[in-house]
Amino acid sequence: MRTTKLGATLASLAITAGGATLLATTPAQAAAPATTPTTVQLSFTDPGTGNQYSGWRALYGDRVGTLTTVISDGTAAPTAGSATLQRRLPGHGWTTSQTDADVSDGVTFTSPKALSNATYRVQYSGGTSVDTGSGTTTWDPSTSNTVQVLTYWKFTHLGYKWHGGLDFTWHGALSPHAKHHRVVIQVKRGSWKNYKVVRTNNKGHWSVRVRSGHNHWVHYRAVVAGTKTLHKNYTLAKFRTTYSRNAPAPTARLLTRR
């Protein structure tokens, strides 16, 4: 049987209408669940006062203040995901220092020792809560602010030996050990003046011969310059020899300063 032009047109319209109906009845794809932004705040907390700081100064080998990490979505702390403490040394990239695999009970990191000038930050991985019947929450990953550790050279094994008269040998060591390292000895004569330059031995020890005052104090200090990884530092000492009828009495006071 032949189909007229009118019949063909009506058939074509019917097919098109049917296709439209099929498309209209196809269920729409489900939208991706919304995620919740987060922020991470990192600081040093002074264990003595509770004050929080964005930087910390410490002598080499000493522990820095307590690391406090707060992760929040603006309302509460996420209950899923992990947090990673990262460290960056001068001239290097970020490396993992510690990881807290579960932030649901808060974030805890052991306060590191000051072994170099360093920068720290915390990265939160993000995560999805467990569905307990009321749906789930998905938190976005985020990175904290940075905090700085300034590490100072440390003077150790400080002491002196009296040689009689006005002469003393003042000695000490540097930590970390630095062989053949330059130590500038200064004397205070109104302002600080260079007195002598000495160098450490293979074990990091240094010594210098100084003169005390006759019945008055003479102030000295040993200064070690900073490097990329360690901050400049100095230590103080003062000497005097008091004469009496019987014998001279030497006196010295050593003060370590950061």
C-alpha atoms as a PDB file:
ATOM      1  CA  MET A   1       0.000   0.000   0.000  1.00  0.00           C
ATOM      2  CA  ARG A   2       1.341   3.416  -0.882  1.00  0.00           C
ATOM      3  CA  THR A   3       1.693   6.124   1.710  1.00  0.00           C
ATOM      4  CA  THR A   4       0.649   9.596   0.800  1.00  0.00           C
ATOM      5  CA  LYS A   5       2.770  12.603   1.537  1.00  0.00           C
ATOM      6  CA  LEU A   6       0.312  13.657   4.228  1.00  0.00           C
ATOM      7  CA  GLY A   7       0.430  10.222   5.818  1.00  0.00           C
ATOM      8  CA  ALA A   8       4.253  10.216   5.845  1.00  0.00           C
ATOM      9  CA  THR A   9       4.341  13.615   7.485  1.00  0.00           C
ATOM     10  CA  LEU A  10       1.888  12.550  10.203  1.00  0.00           C
ATOM     11  CA  ALA A  11       3.896   9.390  10.859  1.00  0.00           C
ATOM     12  CA  SER A  12       7.079  11.393  11.173  1.00  0.00           C
ATOM     13  CA  LEU A  13       5.457  13.743  13.662  1.00  0.00           C
ATOM     14  CA  ALA A  14       4.167  10.793  15.649  1.00  0.00           C
ATOM     15  CA  ILE A  15       7.648   9.272  15.899  1.00  0.00           C
ATOM     16  CA  THR A  16       9.136  12.625  16.958  1.00  0.00           C
ATOM     17  CA  ALA A  17       6.441  13.123  19.575  1.00  0.00           C
ATOM     18  CA  GLY A  18       7.002   9.618  20.869  1.00  0.00           C
ATOM     19  CA  GLY A  19      10.747  10.251  21.155  1.00  0.00           C
ATOM     20  CA  ALA A  20      10.067  13.439  23.056  1.00  0.00           C
ATOM     21  CA  THR A  21       7.816  11.509  25.399  1.00  0.00           C
ATOM     22  CA  LEU A  22      10.496   8.920  26.000  1.00  0.00           C
ATOM     23  CA  LEU A  23      13.080  11.603  26.745  1.00  0.00           C
ATOM     24  CA  ALA A  24      10.733  13.398  29.069  1.00  0.00           C
ATOM     25  CA  THR A  25      10.074  10.258  31.082  1.00  0.00           C
ATOM     26  CA  THR A  26      13.804   9.366  31.485  1.00  0.00           C
ATOM     27  CA  PRO A  27      14.790  10.037  35.156  1.00  0.00           C
ATOM     28  CA  ALA A  28      17.331  12.896  35.671  1.00  0.00           C
ATOM     29  CA  GLN A  29      20.770  12.061  37.055  1.00  0.00           C
ATOM     30  CA  ALA A  30      21.218  12.733  40.776  1.00  0.00           C
ATOM     31  CA  ALA A  31      23.204  15.913  41.609  1.00  0.00           C
ATOM     32  CA  ALA A  32      26.580  15.456  43.285  1.00  0.00           C
ATOM     33  CA  PRO A  33      26.335  15.908  47.072  1.00  0.00           C
ATOM     34  CA  ALA A  34      27.449  19.334  48.324  1.00  0.00           C
ATOM     35  CA  THR A  35      30.749  19.550  50.180  1.00  0.00           C
ATOM     36  CA  THR A  36      31.542  21.696  53.210  1.00  0.00           C
ATOM     37  CA  PRO A  37      34.528  24.084  53.159  1.00  0.00           C
ATOM     38  CA  THR A  38      36.991  23.890  56.048  1.00  0.00           C
ATOM     39  CA  THR A  39      39.746  26.000  57.578  1.00  0.00           C
ATOM     40  CA  VAL A  40      42.833  24.987  59.550  1.00  0.00           C
ATOM     41  CA  GLN A  41      44.483  27.231  62.141  1.00  0.00           C
ATOM     42  CA  LEU A  42      47.979  26.375  63.433  1.00  0.00           C
ATOM     43  CA  SER A  43      49.742  28.105  66.335  1.00  0.00           C
ATOM     44  CA  PHE A  44      52.249  27.602  69.133  1.00  0.00           C
ATOM     45  CA  THR A  45      50.775  27.577  72.643  1.00  0.00           C
ATOM     46  CA  ASP A  46      52.948  28.566  75.594  1.00  0.00           C
ATOM     47  CA  PRO A  47      52.383  25.753  78.126  1.00  0.00           C
ATOM     48  CA  GLY A  48      53.036  28.173  80.988  1.00  0.00           C
ATOM     49  CA  THR A  49      50.641  30.978  80.055  1.00  0.00           C
ATOM     50  CA  GLY A  50      48.341  29.476  77.432  1.00  0.00           C
ATOM     51  CA  ASN A  51      49.136  32.329  75.043  1.00  0.00           C
ATOM     52  CA  GLN A  52      49.230  31.465  71.343  1.00  0.00           C
ATOM     53  CA  TYR A  53      51.870  32.657  68.876  1.00  0.00           C
ATOM     54  CA  SER A  54      52.604  32.426  65.154  1.00  0.00           C
ATOM     55  CA  GLY A  55      56.347  32.016  65.816  1.00  0.00           C
ATOM     56  CA  TRP A  56      58.623  30.470  68.421  1.00  0.00           C
ATOM     57  CA  ARG A  57      62.225  31.103  69.486  1.00  0.00           C
ATOM     58  CA  ALA A  58      64.264  28.280  70.989  1.00  0.00           C
ATOM     59  CA  LEU A  59      67.835  27.241  71.660  1.00  0.00           C
ATOM     60  CA  TYR A  60      69.160  24.383  69.550  1.00  0.00           C
ATOM     61  CA  GLY A  61      67.878  21.035  70.829  1.00  0.00           C
ATOM     62  CA  ASP A  62      65.080  22.483  72.979  1.00  0.00           C
ATOM     63  CA  ARG A  63      61.449  21.636  72.314  1.00  0.00           C
ATOM     64  CA  VAL A  64      59.255  24.383  70.904  1.00  0.00           C
ATOM     65  CA  GLY A  65      55.885  25.406  72.315  1.00  0.00           C
ATOM     66  CA  THR A  66      52.895  23.097  72.062  1.00  0.00           C
ATOM     67  CA  LEU A  67      51.546  22.851  68.512  1.00  0.00           C
ATOM     68  CA  THR A  68      47.820  23.644  68.504  1.00  0.00           C
ATOM     69  CA  THR A  69      45.760  22.706  65.433  1.00  0.00           C
ATOM     70  CA  VAL A  70      42.098  23.666  65.029  1.00  0.00           C
ATOM     71  CA  ILE A  71      40.111  22.368  62.021  1.00  0.00           C
ATOM     72  CA  SER A  72      36.632  23.801  61.541  1.00  0.00           C
ATOM     73  CA  ASP A  73      33.830  24.030  58.984  1.00  0.00           C
ATOM     74  CA  GLY A  74      32.604  27.250  60.569  1.00  0.00           C
ATOM     75  CA  THR A  75      30.297  25.423  62.948  1.00  0.00           C
ATOM     76  CA  ALA A  76      32.094  22.363  64.252  1.00  0.00           C
ATOM     77  CA  ALA A  77      35.189  20.246  63.767  1.00  0.00           C
ATOM     78  CA  PRO A  78      35.105  17.560  61.051  1.00  0.00           C
ATOM     79  CA  THR A  79      34.742  14.005  62.285  1.00  0.00           C
ATOM     80  CA  ALA A  80      36.532  12.322  59.380  1.00  0.00           C
ATOM     81  CA  GLY A  81      39.855  12.607  57.628  1.00  0.00           C
ATOM     82  CA  SER A  82      43.507  12.950  58.613  1.00  0.00           C
ATOM     83  CA  ALA A  83      45.887  15.836  59.323  1.00  0.00           C
ATOM     84  CA  THR A  84      49.542  16.025  58.309  1.00  0.00           C
ATOM     85  CA  LEU A  85      52.154  18.310  59.878  1.00  0.00           C
ATOM     86  CA  GLN A  86      54.666  19.444  57.267  1.00  0.00           C
ATOM     87  CA  ARG A  87      58.033  21.136  57.723  1.00  0.00           C
ATOM     88  CA  ARG A  88      60.105  23.237  55.344  1.00  0.00           C
ATOM     89  CA  LEU A  89      63.783  23.909  56.030  1.00  0.00           C
ATOM     90  CA  PRO A  90      65.616  26.882  54.479  1.00  0.00           C
ATOM     91  CA  GLY A  91      66.205  26.202  50.789  1.00  0.00           C
ATOM     92  CA  HIS A  92      64.086  23.023  50.733  1.00  0.00           C
ATOM     93  CA  GLY A  93      60.524  21.966  49.937  1.00  0.00           C
ATOM     94  CA  TRP A  94      57.770  20.710  52.205  1.00  0.00           C
ATOM     95  CA  THR A  95      58.256  17.309  53.854  1.00  0.00           C
ATOM     96  CA  THR A  96      55.968  15.290  56.121  1.00  0.00           C
ATOM     97  CA  SER A  97      56.900  15.550  59.778  1.00  0.00           C
ATOM     98  CA  GLN A  98      53.963  13.858  61.570  1.00  0.00           C
ATOM     99  CA  THR A  99      50.505  12.518  60.712  1.00  0.00           C
ATOM    100  CA  ASP A 100      47.336  12.238  62.794  1.00  0.00           C
ATOM    101  CA  ALA A 101      45.321   9.571  60.971  1.00  0.00           C
ATOM    102  CA  ASP A 102      41.987  10.362  62.666  1.00  0.00           C
ATOM    103  CA  VAL A 103      40.868  13.923  63.433  1.00  0.00           C
ATOM    104  CA  SER A 104      37.550  12.864  64.983  1.00  0.00           C
ATOM    105  CA  ASP A 105      39.012  13.151  68.497  1.00  0.00           C
ATOM    106  CA  GLY A 106      40.997  16.319  67.781  1.00  0.00           C
ATOM    107  CA  VAL A 107      44.418  16.817  66.234  1.00  0.00           C
ATOM    108  CA  THR A 108      47.524  16.016  68.269  1.00  0.00           C
ATOM    109  CA  PHE A 109      51.151  16.544  67.217  1.00  0.00           C
ATOM    110  CA  THR A 110      54.258  16.133  69.356  1.00  0.00           C
ATOM    111  CA  SER A 111      56.094  19.427  69.682  1.00  0.00           C
ATOM    112  CA  PRO A 112      59.309  19.083  67.651  1.00  0.00           C
ATOM    113  CA  LYS A 113      62.792  19.994  68.832  1.00  0.00           C
ATOM    114  CA  ALA A 114      64.379  23.141  67.482  1.00  0.00           C
ATOM    115  CA  LEU A 115      67.101  21.750  65.221  1.00  0.00           C
ATOM    116  CA  SER A 116      66.983  24.397  62.496  1.00  0.00           C
ATOM    117  CA  ASN A 117      65.144  27.504  61.451  1.00  0.00           C
ATOM    118  CA  ALA A 118      61.969  26.037  59.999  1.00  0.00           C
ATOM    119  CA  THR A 119      58.439  26.722  58.754  1.00  0.00           C
ATOM    120  CA  TYR A 120      55.493  24.472  59.651  1.00  0.00           C
ATOM    121  CA  ARG A 121      51.974  24.003  58.283  1.00  0.00           C
ATOM    122  CA  VAL A 122      49.140  21.453  58.554  1.00  0.00           C
ATOM    123  CA  GLN A 123      47.221  19.899  55.670  1.00  0.00           C
ATOM    124  CA  TYR A 124      43.758  18.451  56.289  1.00  0.00           C
ATOM    125  CA  SER A 125      42.822  15.627  53.886  1.00  0.00           C
ATOM    126  CA  GLY A 126      39.066  16.162  53.889  1.00  0.00           C
ATOM    127  CA  GLY A 127      36.665  13.292  54.540  1.00  0.00           C
ATOM    128  CA  THR A 128      33.073  12.017  54.711  1.00  0.00           C
ATOM    129  CA  SER A 129      31.206  11.254  57.906  1.00  0.00           C
ATOM    130  CA  VAL A 130      29.594   7.898  58.638  1.00  0.00           C
ATOM    131  CA  ASP A 131      25.900   7.732  57.724  1.00  0.00           C
ATOM    132  CA  THR A 132      23.924   7.068  60.910  1.00  0.00           C
ATOM    133  CA  GLY A 133      20.543   7.475  59.238  1.00  0.00           C
ATOM    134  CA  SER A 134      20.442  11.243  58.760  1.00  0.00           C
ATOM    135  CA  GLY A 135      22.793  11.436  55.776  1.00  0.00           C
ATOM    136  CA  THR A 136      26.483  12.198  55.512  1.00  0.00           C
ATOM    137  CA  THR A 137      28.671  15.284  55.450  1.00  0.00           C
ATOM    138  CA  THR A 138      31.680  15.630  53.155  1.00  0.00           C
ATOM    139  CA  TRP A 139      34.393  18.091  54.175  1.00  0.00           C
ATOM    140  CA  ASP A 140      36.777  19.727  51.733  1.00  0.00           C
ATOM    141  CA  PRO A 141      40.563  19.457  52.188  1.00  0.00           C
ATOM    142  CA  SER A 142      42.375  22.604  53.345  1.00  0.00           C
ATOM    143  CA  THR A 143      45.797  23.903  54.360  1.00  0.00           C
ATOM    144  CA  SER A 144      46.644  25.942  57.441  1.00  0.00           C
ATOM    145  CA  ASN A 145      48.582  29.147  57.869  1.00  0.00           C
ATOM    146  CA  THR A 146      52.351  28.809  58.400  1.00  0.00           C
ATOM    147  CA  VAL A 147      54.226  29.240  61.681  1.00  0.00           C
ATOM    148  CA  GLN A 148      57.942  29.889  62.121  1.00  0.00           C
ATOM    149  CA  VAL A 149      60.591  28.399  64.404  1.00  0.00           C
ATOM    150  CA  LEU A 150      63.701  30.491  64.981  1.00  0.00           C
ATOM    151  CA  THR A 151      66.539  28.302  66.298  1.00  0.00           C
ATOM    152  CA  TYR A 152      69.488  29.886  68.101  1.00  0.00           C
ATOM    153  CA  TRP A 153      73.003  28.542  68.517  1.00  0.00           C
ATOM    154  CA  LYS A 154      73.370  27.076  72.003  1.00  0.00           C
ATOM    155  CA  PHE A 155      76.395  27.647  74.239  1.00  0.00           C
ATOM    156  CA  THR A 156      77.238  24.702  76.506  1.00  0.00           C
ATOM    157  CA  HIS A 157      80.034  23.597  78.868  1.00  0.00           C
ATOM    158  CA  LEU A 158      80.745  27.173  79.887  1.00  0.00           C
ATOM    159  CA  GLY A 159      83.477  27.600  82.488  1.00  0.00           C
ATOM    160  CA  TYR A 160      86.671  29.402  83.400  1.00  0.00           C
ATOM    161  CA  LYS A 161      90.080  28.844  84.925  1.00  0.00           C
ATOM    162  CA  TRP A 162      92.070  31.390  86.895  1.00  0.00           C
ATOM    163  CA  HIS A 163      95.790  31.555  86.118  1.00  0.00           C
ATOM    164  CA  GLY A 164      96.776  33.970  88.866  1.00  0.00           C
ATOM    165  CA  GLY A 165      96.958  37.720  88.697  1.00  0.00           C
ATOM    166  CA  LEU A 166      94.355  39.073  86.314  1.00  0.00           C
ATOM    167  CA  ASP A 167      94.406  36.237  83.792  1.00  0.00           C
ATOM    168  CA  PHE A 168      91.540  33.837  83.159  1.00  0.00           C
ATOM    169  CA  THR A 169      90.774  31.270  80.466  1.00  0.00           C
ATOM    170  CA  TRP A 170      87.132  31.371  79.489  1.00  0.00           C
ATOM    171  CA  HIS A 171      85.836  28.319  77.607  1.00  0.00           C
ATOM    172  CA  GLY A 172      82.704  26.764  76.212  1.00  0.00           C
ATOM    173  CA  ALA A 173      81.233  24.756  73.353  1.00  0.00           C
ATOM    174  CA  LEU A 174      78.719  25.237  70.574  1.00  0.00           C
ATOM    175  CA  SER A 175      75.663  23.106  70.028  1.00  0.00           C
ATOM    176  CA  PRO A 176      75.293  21.762  67.409  1.00  0.00           C
ATOM    177  CA  HIS A 177      78.960  20.797  67.209  1.00  0.00           C
ATOM    178  CA  ALA A 178      80.736  22.866  64.594  1.00  0.00           C
ATOM    179  CA  LYS A 179      84.443  22.312  64.081  1.00  0.00           C
ATOM    180  CA  HIS A 180      86.693  25.225  63.145  1.00  0.00           C
ATOM    181  CA  HIS A 181      83.758  27.607  63.567  1.00  0.00           C
ATOM    182  CA  ARG A 182      84.411  31.291  64.146  1.00  0.00           C
ATOM    183  CA  VAL A 183      83.594  32.777  67.565  1.00  0.00           C
ATOM    184  CA  VAL A 184      84.129  36.501  68.120  1.00  0.00           C
ATOM    185  CA  ILE A 185      85.096  37.569  71.638  1.00  0.00           C
ATOM    186  CA  GLN A 186      84.088  41.119  72.526  1.00  0.00           C
ATOM    187  CA  VAL A 187      84.854  43.313  75.539  1.00  0.00           C
ATOM    188  CA  LYS A 188      82.644  46.115  76.798  1.00  0.00           C
ATOM    189  CA  ARG A 189      84.433  49.444  76.874  1.00  0.00           C
ATOM    190  CA  GLY A 190      81.549  51.863  76.703  1.00  0.00           C
ATOM    191  CA  SER A 191      80.190  49.863  73.761  1.00  0.00           C
ATOM    192  CA  TRP A 192      81.119  46.362  72.677  1.00  0.00           C
ATOM    193  CA  LYS A 193      84.521  46.151  70.975  1.00  0.00           C
ATOM    194  CA  ASN A 194      86.109  43.177  69.267  1.00  0.00           C
ATOM    195  CA  TYR A 195      88.706  41.641  71.557  1.00  0.00           C
ATOM    196  CA  LYS A 196      89.786  38.443  69.809  1.00  0.00           C
ATOM    197  CA  VAL A 197      88.603  35.886  67.257  1.00  0.00           C
ATOM    198  CA  VAL A 198      88.882  32.200  68.149  1.00  0.00           C
ATOM    199  CA  ARG A 199      87.767  29.018  66.407  1.00  0.00           C
ATOM    200  CA  THR A 200      86.276  25.836  67.741  1.00  0.00           C
ATOM    201  CA  ASN A 201      88.197  22.565  67.721  1.00  0.00           C
ATOM    202  CA  ASN A 202      87.006  19.297  66.191  1.00  0.00           C
ATOM    203  CA  LYS A 203      84.532  18.813  69.058  1.00  0.00           C
ATOM    204  CA  GLY A 204      83.055  22.283  68.841  1.00  0.00           C
ATOM    205  CA  HIS A 205      84.894  23.626  71.914  1.00  0.00           C
ATOM    206  CA  TRP A 206      86.434  27.090  72.112  1.00  0.00           C
ATOM    207  CA  SER A 207      88.567  28.915  74.688  1.00  0.00           C
ATOM    208  CA  VAL A 208      90.072  32.370  75.064  1.00  0.00           C
ATOM    209  CA  ARG A 209      92.491  34.055  77.443  1.00  0.00           C
ATOM    210  CA  VAL A 210      90.982  37.197  78.998  1.00  0.00           C
ATOM    211  CA  ARG A 211      92.043  39.780  81.570  1.00  0.00           C
ATOM    212  CA  SER A 212      89.948  40.564  84.616  1.00  0.00           C
ATOM    213  CA  GLY A 213      89.662  43.906  86.335  1.00  0.00           C
ATOM    214  CA  HIS A 214      91.662  44.862  89.432  1.00  0.00           C
ATOM    215  CA  ASN A 215      88.837  45.242  91.962  1.00  0.00           C
ATOM    216  CA  HIS A 216      86.313  45.908  89.201  1.00  0.00           C
ATOM    217  CA  TRP A 217      84.357  43.842  86.730  1.00  0.00           C
ATOM    218  CA  VAL A 218      85.376  43.477  83.083  1.00  0.00           C
ATOM    219  CA  HIS A 219      82.520  42.318  80.829  1.00  0.00           C
ATOM    220  CA  TYR A 220      83.015  39.963  77.872  1.00  0.00           C
ATOM    221  CA  ARG A 221      80.750  38.202  75.449  1.00  0.00           C
ATOM    222  CA  ALA A 222      81.230  35.424  72.895  1.00  0.00           C
ATOM    223  CA  VAL A 223      79.299  35.935  69.659  1.00  0.00           C
ATOM    224  CA  VAL A 224      78.574  33.320  66.995  1.00  0.00           C
ATOM    225  CA  ALA A 225      77.164  34.528  63.675  1.00  0.00           C
ATOM    226  CA  GLY A 226      73.970  33.202  62.171  1.00  0.00           C
ATOM    227  CA  THR A 227      73.648  30.799  59.263  1.00  0.00           C
ATOM    228  CA  LYS A 228      70.727  29.769  57.046  1.00  0.00           C
ATOM    229  CA  THR A 229      69.667  27.188  59.606  1.00  0.00           C
ATOM    230  CA  LEU A 230      70.699  28.811  62.911  1.00  0.00           C
ATOM    231  CA  HIS A 231      70.193  32.262  64.329  1.00  0.00           C
ATOM    232  CA  LYS A 232      73.001  34.432  65.714  1.00  0.00           C
ATOM    233  CA  ASN A 233      73.541  34.175  69.478  1.00  0.00           C
ATOM    234  CA  TYR A 234      75.906  35.264  72.221  1.00  0.00           C
ATOM    235  CA  THR A 235      76.767  34.465  75.821  1.00  0.00           C
ATOM    236  CA  LEU A 236      78.039  36.800  78.561  1.00  0.00           C
ATOM    237  CA  ALA A 237      80.690  36.627  81.250  1.00  0.00           C
ATOM    238  CA  LYS A 238      82.393  39.073  83.601  1.00  0.00           C
ATOM    239  CA  PHE A 239      85.607  38.726  85.604  1.00  0.00           C
ATOM    240  CA  ARG A 240      87.365  40.559  88.400  1.00  0.00           C
ATOM    241  CA  THR A 241      90.236  39.948  90.833  1.00  0.00           C
ATOM    242  CA  THR A 242      90.007  41.446  94.286  1.00  0.00           C
ATOM    243  CA  TYR A 243      93.260  41.795  96.235  1.00  0.00           C
ATOM    244  CA  SER A 244      93.437  41.636  99.995  1.00  0.00           C
ATOM    245  CA  ARG A 245      96.317  41.437 102.458  1.00  0.00           C
ATOM    246  CA  ASN A 246      96.438  37.683 102.275  1.00  0.00           C
ATOM    247  CA  ALA A 247      95.880  36.749  98.646  1.00  0.00           C
ATOM    248  CA  PRO A 248      94.043  37.766  95.536  1.00  0.00           C
ATOM    249  CA  ALA A 249      90.472  36.459  95.257  1.00  0.00           C
ATOM    250  CA  PRO A 250      89.310  35.754  91.707  1.00  0.00           C
ATOM    251  CA  THR A 251      85.615  36.083  90.867  1.00  0.00           C
ATOM    252  CA  ALA A 252      83.765  35.297  87.672  1.00  0.00           C
ATOM    253  CA  ARG A 253      80.145  35.206  86.625  1.00  0.00           C
ATOM    254  CA  LEU A 254      78.939  33.431  83.524  1.00  0.00           C
ATOM    255  CA  LEU A 255      75.563  34.243  81.986  1.00  0.00           C
ATOM    256  CA  THR A 256      74.108  32.323  79.080  1.00  0.00           C
ATOM    257  CA  ARG A 257      71.782  34.358  76.938  1.00  0.00           C
ATOM    258  CA  ARG A 258      69.462  33.496  74.089  1.00  0.00           C
END
